PDB file of N, CA and C in Angstrom:
ATOM      1  N   MET A   1       0.824  -1.250   0.173  1.00  0.00           N
ATOM      2  CA  MET A   1      -0.202   0.182  -0.163  1.00  0.00           C
ATOM      3  C   MET A   1       0.788   1.148   0.086  1.00  0.00           C
ATOM      4  N   LEU A   2       1.871   1.238   0.799  1.00  0.00           N
ATOM      5  CA  LEU A   2       2.704   2.344   0.941  1.00  0.00           C
ATOM      6  C   LEU A   2       3.668   2.677  -0.422  1.00  0.00           C
ATOM      7  N   ARG A   3       3.808   1.437  -0.978  1.00  0.00           N
ATOM      8  CA  ARG A   3       4.717   1.700  -2.352  1.00  0.00           C
ATOM      9  C   ARG A   3       3.672   2.250  -3.418  1.00  0.00           C
ATOM     10  N   ALA A   4       2.462   1.755  -3.423  1.00  0.00           N
ATOM     11  CA  ALA A   4       1.627   2.327  -4.404  1.00  0.00           C
ATOM     12  C   ALA A   4       1.166   3.867  -4.269  1.00  0.00           C
ATOM     13  N   THR A   5       1.054   4.133  -3.018  1.00  0.00           N
ATOM     14  CA  THR A   5       0.830   5.625  -2.626  1.00  0.00           C
ATOM     15  C   THR A   5       2.090   6.445  -3.049  1.00  0.00           C
ATOM     16  N   GLY A   6       3.152   5.958  -2.826  1.00  0.00           N
ATOM     17  CA  GLY A   6       4.622   6.608  -3.241  1.00  0.00           C
ATOM     18  C   GLY A   6       4.623   6.834  -4.566  1.00  0.00           C
ATOM     19  N   ILE A   7       4.171   5.708  -5.517  1.00  0.00           N
ATOM     20  CA  ILE A   7       4.255   5.877  -6.841  1.00  0.00           C
ATOM     21  C   ILE A   7       3.216   6.820  -7.515  1.00  0.00           C
ATOM     22  N   VAL A   8       2.111   6.872  -6.834  1.00  0.00           N
ATOM     23  CA  VAL A   8       1.067   7.777  -7.140  1.00  0.00           C
ATOM     24  C   VAL A   8       1.488   9.404  -6.962  1.00  0.00           C
ATOM     25  N   TRP A   9       2.271   9.552  -5.854  1.00  0.00           N
ATOM     26  CA  TRP A   9       2.688  10.869  -5.528  1.00  0.00           C
ATOM     27  C   TRP A   9       3.926  11.237  -6.445  1.00  0.00           C
ATOM     28  N   LEU A  10       4.766  10.223  -7.043  1.00  0.00           N
ATOM     29  CA  LEU A  10       5.716  10.474  -7.797  1.00  0.00           C
ATOM     30  C   LEU A  10       5.014  10.903  -9.312  1.00  0.00           C
ATOM     31  N   LEU A  11       3.925  10.301  -9.690  1.00  0.00           N
ATOM     32  CA  LEU A  11       3.461  10.757 -10.897  1.00  0.00           C
ATOM     33  C   LEU A  11       2.857  12.068 -10.858  1.00  0.00           C
ATOM     34  N   VAL A  12       1.947  12.222  -9.647  1.00  0.00           N
ATOM     35  CA  VAL A  12       1.442  13.641  -9.279  1.00  0.00           C
ATOM     36  C   VAL A  12       2.466  14.720  -9.233  1.00  0.00           C
ATOM     37  N   ALA A  13       3.464  14.460  -8.683  1.00  0.00           N
ATOM     38  CA  ALA A  13       4.782  15.473  -8.682  1.00  0.00           C
ATOM     39  C   ALA A  13       5.071  15.689 -10.089  1.00  0.00           C
ATOM     40  N   ASN A  14       5.674  14.728 -10.848  1.00  0.00           N
ATOM     41  CA  ASN A  14       6.111  14.603 -12.068  1.00  0.00           C
ATOM     42  C   ASN A  14       4.957  15.482 -13.083  1.00  0.00           C
ATOM     43  N   VAL A  15       3.616  15.271 -13.064  1.00  0.00           N
ATOM     44  CA  VAL A  15       2.733  16.003 -13.712  1.00  0.00           C
ATOM     45  C   VAL A  15       2.710  17.524 -13.359  1.00  0.00           C
ATOM     46  N   VAL A  16       2.810  17.869 -12.197  1.00  0.00           N
ATOM     47  CA  VAL A  16       2.764  19.216 -11.515  1.00  0.00           C
ATOM     48  C   VAL A  16       4.066  19.757 -11.967  1.00  0.00           C
ATOM     49  N   PHE A  17       5.089  19.292 -11.999  1.00  0.00           N
ATOM     50  CA  PHE A  17       6.316  20.054 -12.282  1.00  0.00           C
ATOM     51  C   PHE A  17       6.434  20.082 -13.928  1.00  0.00           C
ATOM     52  N   HIS A  18       5.842  19.068 -14.850  1.00  0.00           N
ATOM     53  CA  HIS A  18       6.078  19.200 -16.026  1.00  0.00           C
ATOM     54  C   HIS A  18       5.052  20.114 -16.747  1.00  0.00           C
ATOM     55  N   ILE A  19       3.884  20.429 -16.086  1.00  0.00           N
ATOM     56  CA  ILE A  19       3.064  21.325 -16.729  1.00  0.00           C
ATOM     57  C   ILE A  19       3.375  22.698 -17.071  1.00  0.00           C
ATOM     58  N   PRO A  20       4.083  23.254 -15.855  1.00  0.00           N
ATOM     59  CA  PRO A  20       4.578  24.590 -16.309  1.00  0.00           C
ATOM     60  C   PRO A  20       5.503  24.829 -17.601  1.00  0.00           C
ATOM     61  N   GLN A  21       6.342  23.911 -17.861  1.00  0.00           N
ATOM     62  CA  GLN A  21       7.325  23.799 -18.862  1.00  0.00           C
ATOM     63  C   GLN A  21       6.434  23.462 -20.145  1.00  0.00           C
ATOM     64  N   CYS A  22       5.340  22.724 -20.257  1.00  0.00           N
ATOM     65  CA  CYS A  22       4.531  22.625 -21.349  1.00  0.00           C
ATOM     66  C   CYS A  22       3.777  23.976 -21.516  1.00  0.00           C
ATOM     67  N   LEU A  23       3.203  24.717 -20.549  1.00  0.00           N
ATOM     68  CA  LEU A  23       2.582  25.951 -20.760  1.00  0.00           C
ATOM     69  C   LEU A  23       3.565  26.976 -21.352  1.00  0.00           C
ATOM     70  N   SER A  24       4.847  26.967 -20.777  1.00  0.00           N
ATOM     71  CA  SER A  24       5.724  27.781 -21.269  1.00  0.00           C
ATOM     72  C   SER A  24       6.256  27.727 -22.878  1.00  0.00           C
ATOM     73  N   ALA A  25       6.286  26.671 -23.122  1.00  0.00           N
ATOM     74  CA  ALA A  25       6.386  26.253 -24.558  1.00  0.00           C
ATOM     75  C   ALA A  25       5.252  26.896 -25.343  1.00  0.00           C
ATOM     76  N   LEU A  26       4.143  26.306 -24.770  1.00  0.00           N
ATOM     77  CA  LEU A  26       2.796  26.701 -25.559  1.00  0.00           C
ATOM     78  C   LEU A  26       2.600  28.297 -25.387  1.00  0.00           C
ATOM     79  N   GLU A  27       3.133  28.881 -24.488  1.00  0.00           N
ATOM     80  CA  GLU A  27       2.940  30.444 -24.568  1.00  0.00           C
ATOM     81  C   GLU A  27       3.932  30.738 -25.361  1.00  0.00           C
ATOM     82  N   ASP A  28       5.145  30.383 -25.744  1.00  0.00           N
ATOM     83  CA  ASP A  28       6.121  30.758 -26.677  1.00  0.00           C
ATOM     84  C   ASP A  28       5.549  30.812 -28.233  1.00  0.00           C
ATOM     85  N   LYS A  29       4.954  29.660 -28.174  1.00  0.00           N
ATOM     86  CA  LYS A  29       4.288  29.468 -29.919  1.00  0.00           C
ATOM     87  C   LYS A  29       3.134  30.418 -29.915  1.00  0.00           C
ATOM     88  N   ILE A  30       2.411  30.640 -28.893  1.00  0.00           N
ATOM     89  CA  ILE A  30       1.348  31.509 -29.310  1.00  0.00           C
ATOM     90  C   ILE A  30       1.784  33.149 -29.392  1.00  0.00           C
ATOM     91  N   SER A  31       2.787  33.345 -28.781  1.00  0.00           N
ATOM     92  CA  SER A  31       3.320  34.653 -28.891  1.00  0.00           C
ATOM     93  C   SER A  31       3.855  35.003 -30.301  1.00  0.00           C
ATOM     94  N   ALA A  32       4.661  33.874 -30.747  1.00  0.00           N
ATOM     95  CA  ALA A  32       5.144  33.918 -32.010  1.00  0.00           C
ATOM     96  C   ALA A  32       4.168  33.944 -33.049  1.00  0.00           C
ATOM     97  N   TYR A  33       2.987  33.298 -33.005  1.00  0.00           N
ATOM     98  CA  TYR A  33       1.970  33.114 -33.892  1.00  0.00           C
ATOM     99  C   TYR A  33       1.393  34.597 -33.960  1.00  0.00           C
ATOM    100  N   LEU A  34       1.085  35.144 -32.598  1.00  0.00           N
ATOM    101  CA  LEU A  34       0.253  36.499 -32.699  1.00  0.00           C
ATOM    102  C   LEU A  34       1.456  37.862 -33.313  1.00  0.00           C
ATOM    103  N   ALA A  35       2.424  37.410 -33.141  1.00  0.00           N
ATOM    104  CA  ALA A  35       3.621  38.578 -33.618  1.00  0.00           C
ATOM    105  C   ALA A  35       3.879  38.376 -35.162  1.00  0.00           C
ATOM    106  N   THR A  36       3.647  37.285 -35.749  1.00  0.00           N
ATOM    107  CA  THR A  36       3.798  37.229 -37.093  1.00  0.00           C
ATOM    108  C   THR A  36       2.594  36.951 -37.994  1.00  0.00           C
ATOM    109  N   ASP A  37       1.957  35.612 -38.061  1.00  0.00           N
ATOM    110  CA  ASP A  37       0.911  35.351 -38.841  1.00  0.00           C
ATOM    111  C   ASP A  37      -0.248  36.274 -38.342  1.00  0.00           C
ATOM    112  N   TYR A  38      -0.688  36.090 -37.333  1.00  0.00           N
ATOM    113  CA  TYR A  38      -2.226  36.888 -36.988  1.00  0.00           C
ATOM    114  C   TYR A  38      -1.824  38.410 -37.031  1.00  0.00           C
ATOM    115  N   GLU A  39      -0.646  38.891 -36.803  1.00  0.00           N
ATOM    116  CA  GLU A  39      -0.735  40.370 -37.218  1.00  0.00           C
ATOM    117  C   GLU A  39      -0.931  40.754 -38.513  1.00  0.00           C
ATOM    118  N   LYS A  40      -0.581  39.826 -39.470  1.00  0.00           N
ATOM    119  CA  LYS A  40      -0.555  40.072 -40.868  1.00  0.00           C
ATOM    120  C   LYS A  40      -2.026  39.813 -41.414  1.00  0.00           C
ATOM    121  N   LEU A  41      -2.759  38.675 -40.926  1.00  0.00           N
ATOM    122  CA  LEU A  41      -4.042  38.491 -41.073  1.00  0.00           C
ATOM    123  C   LEU A  41      -5.299  39.654 -40.513  1.00  0.00           C
ATOM    124  N   ALA A  42      -4.728  40.035 -39.439  1.00  0.00           N
ATOM    125  CA  ALA A  42      -5.689  41.177 -38.762  1.00  0.00           C
ATOM    126  C   ALA A  42      -5.488  42.497 -39.424  1.00  0.00           C
ATOM    127  N   SER A  43      -4.255  42.825 -39.991  1.00  0.00           N
ATOM    128  CA  SER A  43      -3.989  43.824 -40.617  1.00  0.00           C
ATOM    129  C   SER A  43      -4.677  44.129 -41.900  1.00  0.00           C
ATOM    130  N   ALA A  44      -4.711  42.814 -42.757  1.00  0.00           N
ATOM    131  CA  ALA A  44      -5.317  42.832 -43.986  1.00  0.00           C
ATOM    132  C   ALA A  44      -6.809  42.796 -43.808  1.00  0.00           C
ATOM    133  N   ALA A  45      -7.331  42.160 -42.699  1.00  0.00           N
ATOM    134  CA  ALA A  45      -8.977  42.056 -42.611  1.00  0.00           C
ATOM    135  C   ALA A  45      -9.234  43.450 -41.999  1.00  0.00           C
ATOM    136  N   CYS A  46      -8.449  44.055 -41.289  1.00  0.00           N
ATOM    137  CA  CYS A  46      -8.900  45.641 -40.954  1.00  0.00           C
ATOM    138  C   CYS A  46      -8.861  46.659 -42.379  1.00  0.00           C
ATOM    139  N   ARG A  47      -7.744  46.410 -43.274  1.00  0.00           N
ATOM    140  CA  ARG A  47      -7.711  47.222 -44.301  1.00  0.00           C
ATOM    141  C   ARG A  47      -8.905  46.867 -45.216  1.00  0.00           C
ATOM    142  N   ASN A  48      -9.243  45.539 -45.416  1.00  0.00           N
ATOM    143  CA  ASN A  48     -10.410  45.353 -46.323  1.00  0.00           C
ATOM    144  C   ASN A  48     -11.549  46.088 -45.892  1.00  0.00           C
ATOM    145  N   TYR A  49     -11.633  45.749 -44.381  1.00  0.00           N
ATOM    146  CA  TYR A  49     -12.986  46.389 -43.921  1.00  0.00           C
ATOM    147  C   TYR A  49     -13.061  47.971 -44.306  1.00  0.00           C
ATOM    148  N   SER A  50     -12.001  48.661 -43.651  1.00  0.00           N
ATOM    149  CA  SER A  50     -11.772  50.084 -43.970  1.00  0.00           C
ATOM    150  C   SER A  50     -12.105  50.506 -45.546  1.00  0.00           C
ATOM    151  N   LEU A  51     -11.582  49.603 -46.389  1.00  0.00           N
ATOM    152  CA  LEU A  51     -11.960  49.985 -47.732  1.00  0.00           C
ATOM    153  C   LEU A  51     -13.217  49.815 -48.336  1.00  0.00           C
ATOM    154  N   ALA A  52     -13.989  48.736 -47.823  1.00  0.00           N
ATOM    155  CA  ALA A  52     -15.183  48.434 -48.015  1.00  0.00           C
ATOM    156  C   ALA A  52     -16.211  49.367 -47.478  1.00  0.00           C
ATOM    157  N   SER A  53     -15.867  49.861 -46.393  1.00  0.00           N
ATOM    158  CA  SER A  53     -16.602  50.727 -45.654  1.00  0.00           C
ATOM    159  C   SER A  53     -16.551  52.321 -46.352  1.00  0.00           C
ATOM    160  N   TRP A  54     -15.241  52.667 -46.607  1.00  0.00           N
ATOM    161  CA  TRP A  54     -15.269  53.626 -47.371  1.00  0.00           C
ATOM    162  C   TRP A  54     -15.832  53.972 -48.645  1.00  0.00           C
ATOM    163  N   ASN A  55     -15.835  52.683 -49.566  1.00  0.00           N
ATOM    164  CA  ASN A  55     -16.453  52.572 -50.634  1.00  0.00           C
ATOM    165  C   ASN A  55     -17.815  52.694 -50.625  1.00  0.00           C
ATOM    166  N   TYR A  56     -18.640  51.939 -49.710  1.00  0.00           N
ATOM    167  CA  TYR A  56     -19.914  52.116 -49.384  1.00  0.00           C
ATOM    168  C   TYR A  56     -20.403  53.351 -49.075  1.00  0.00           C
ATOM    169  N   GLN A  57     -19.807  54.080 -48.219  1.00  0.00           N
ATOM    170  CA  GLN A  57     -20.020  55.160 -47.640  1.00  0.00           C
ATOM    171  C   GLN A  57     -19.998  56.557 -48.799  1.00  0.00           C
ATOM    172  N   THR A  58     -18.970  56.269 -49.496  1.00  0.00           N
ATOM    173  CA  THR A  58     -18.799  57.386 -50.465  1.00  0.00           C
ATOM    174  C   THR A  58     -19.675  57.221 -51.716  1.00  0.00           C
ATOM    175  N   ASP A  59     -20.079  55.776 -52.160  1.00  0.00           N
ATOM    176  CA  ASP A  59     -20.814  55.433 -53.188  1.00  0.00           C
ATOM    177  C   ASP A  59     -22.474  55.431 -52.952  1.00  0.00           C
ATOM    178  N   VAL A  60     -22.959  55.436 -51.613  1.00  0.00           N
ATOM    179  CA  VAL A  60     -24.294  55.477 -51.534  1.00  0.00           C
ATOM    180  C   VAL A  60     -25.058  56.528 -51.845  1.00  0.00           C
ATOM    181  N   ASP A  61     -24.515  57.629 -52.136  1.00  0.00           N
ATOM    182  CA  ASP A  61     -25.225  58.703 -52.526  1.00  0.00           C
ATOM    183  C   ASP A  61     -25.163  59.146 -54.192  1.00  0.00           C
ATOM    184  N   ASN A  62     -24.498  58.133 -54.650  1.00  0.00           N
ATOM    185  CA  ASN A  62     -24.352  58.187 -56.164  1.00  0.00           C
ATOM    186  C   ASN A  62     -25.744  57.723 -56.806  1.00  0.00           C
ATOM    187  N   LYS A  63     -26.609  58.659 -57.237  1.00  0.00           N
ATOM    188  CA  LYS A  63     -27.922  58.590 -57.745  1.00  0.00           C
ATOM    189  C   LYS A  63     -28.091  57.522 -58.763  1.00  0.00           C
ATOM    190  N   THR A  64     -27.191  57.564 -59.673  1.00  0.00           N
ATOM    191  CA  THR A  64     -27.233  56.586 -60.834  1.00  0.00           C
ATOM    192  C   THR A  64     -26.908  55.244 -60.383  1.00  0.00           C
ATOM    193  N   LYS A  65     -25.814  55.173 -59.584  1.00  0.00           N
ATOM    194  CA  LYS A  65     -25.432  53.665 -58.942  1.00  0.00           C
ATOM    195  C   LYS A  65     -26.872  53.265 -58.090  1.00  0.00           C
ATOM    196  N   VAL A  66     -27.521  54.101 -57.441  1.00  0.00           N
ATOM    197  CA  VAL A  66     -28.733  53.515 -56.652  1.00  0.00           C
ATOM    198  C   VAL A  66     -29.844  53.080 -57.485  1.00  0.00           C
ATOM    199  N   GLU A  67     -29.999  53.946 -58.708  1.00  0.00           N
ATOM    200  CA  GLU A  67     -31.207  53.510 -59.586  1.00  0.00           C
ATOM    201  C   GLU A  67     -30.811  52.230 -60.185  1.00  0.00           C
ATOM    202  N   GLU A  68     -29.433  52.345 -60.814  1.00  0.00           N
ATOM    203  CA  GLU A  68     -29.188  50.898 -61.170  1.00  0.00           C
ATOM    204  C   GLU A  68     -29.293  49.815 -60.388  1.00  0.00           C
ATOM    205  N   LEU A  69     -28.801  49.820 -59.034  1.00  0.00           N
ATOM    206  CA  LEU A  69     -28.997  48.826 -58.136  1.00  0.00           C
ATOM    207  C   LEU A  69     -30.411  48.477 -57.945  1.00  0.00           C
ATOM    208  N   VAL A  70     -31.251  49.402 -57.778  1.00  0.00           N
ATOM    209  CA  VAL A  70     -32.627  49.223 -57.681  1.00  0.00           C
ATOM    210  C   VAL A  70     -33.467  48.574 -58.907  1.00  0.00           C
ATOM    211  N   SER A  71     -32.991  48.898 -60.138  1.00  0.00           N
ATOM    212  CA  SER A  71     -33.442  48.411 -61.261  1.00  0.00           C
ATOM    213  C   SER A  71     -32.974  46.736 -61.251  1.00  0.00           C
ATOM    214  N   LYS A  72     -31.932  46.599 -60.936  1.00  0.00           N
ATOM    215  CA  LYS A  72     -31.446  45.178 -61.009  1.00  0.00           C
ATOM    216  C   LYS A  72     -32.225  44.316 -59.988  1.00  0.00           C
ATOM    217  N   THR A  73     -32.388  44.825 -58.751  1.00  0.00           N
ATOM    218  CA  THR A  73     -33.125  44.124 -57.593  1.00  0.00           C
ATOM    219  C   THR A  73     -34.794  44.005 -57.990  1.00  0.00           C
ATOM    220  N   VAL A  74     -35.087  44.885 -58.522  1.00  0.00           N
ATOM    221  CA  VAL A  74     -36.728  44.722 -58.987  1.00  0.00           C
ATOM    222  C   VAL A  74     -36.943  43.704 -60.029  1.00  0.00           C
ATOM    223  N   THR A  75     -36.025  43.570 -61.045  1.00  0.00           N
ATOM    224  CA  THR A  75     -36.362  42.687 -62.178  1.00  0.00           C
ATOM    225  C   THR A  75     -35.999  41.436 -61.659  1.00  0.00           C
TER     226      THR A  75
END
């Protein structure tokens, strides 16, 4: 019984001391992803949204465009 308990405590201690190392490696990977790939994707998405918003806001008052759109959606 004592031997089984000792083995269980060794396994628990191994897991407890191993988790911070795994989390540190995971944190490093996440930081690298955020600094490189995610930054590029987020910047591109933000730029595309800004362009689309600008195009919509500046073209919505174009009467010819509005009439053309209405004629296309009605038919």
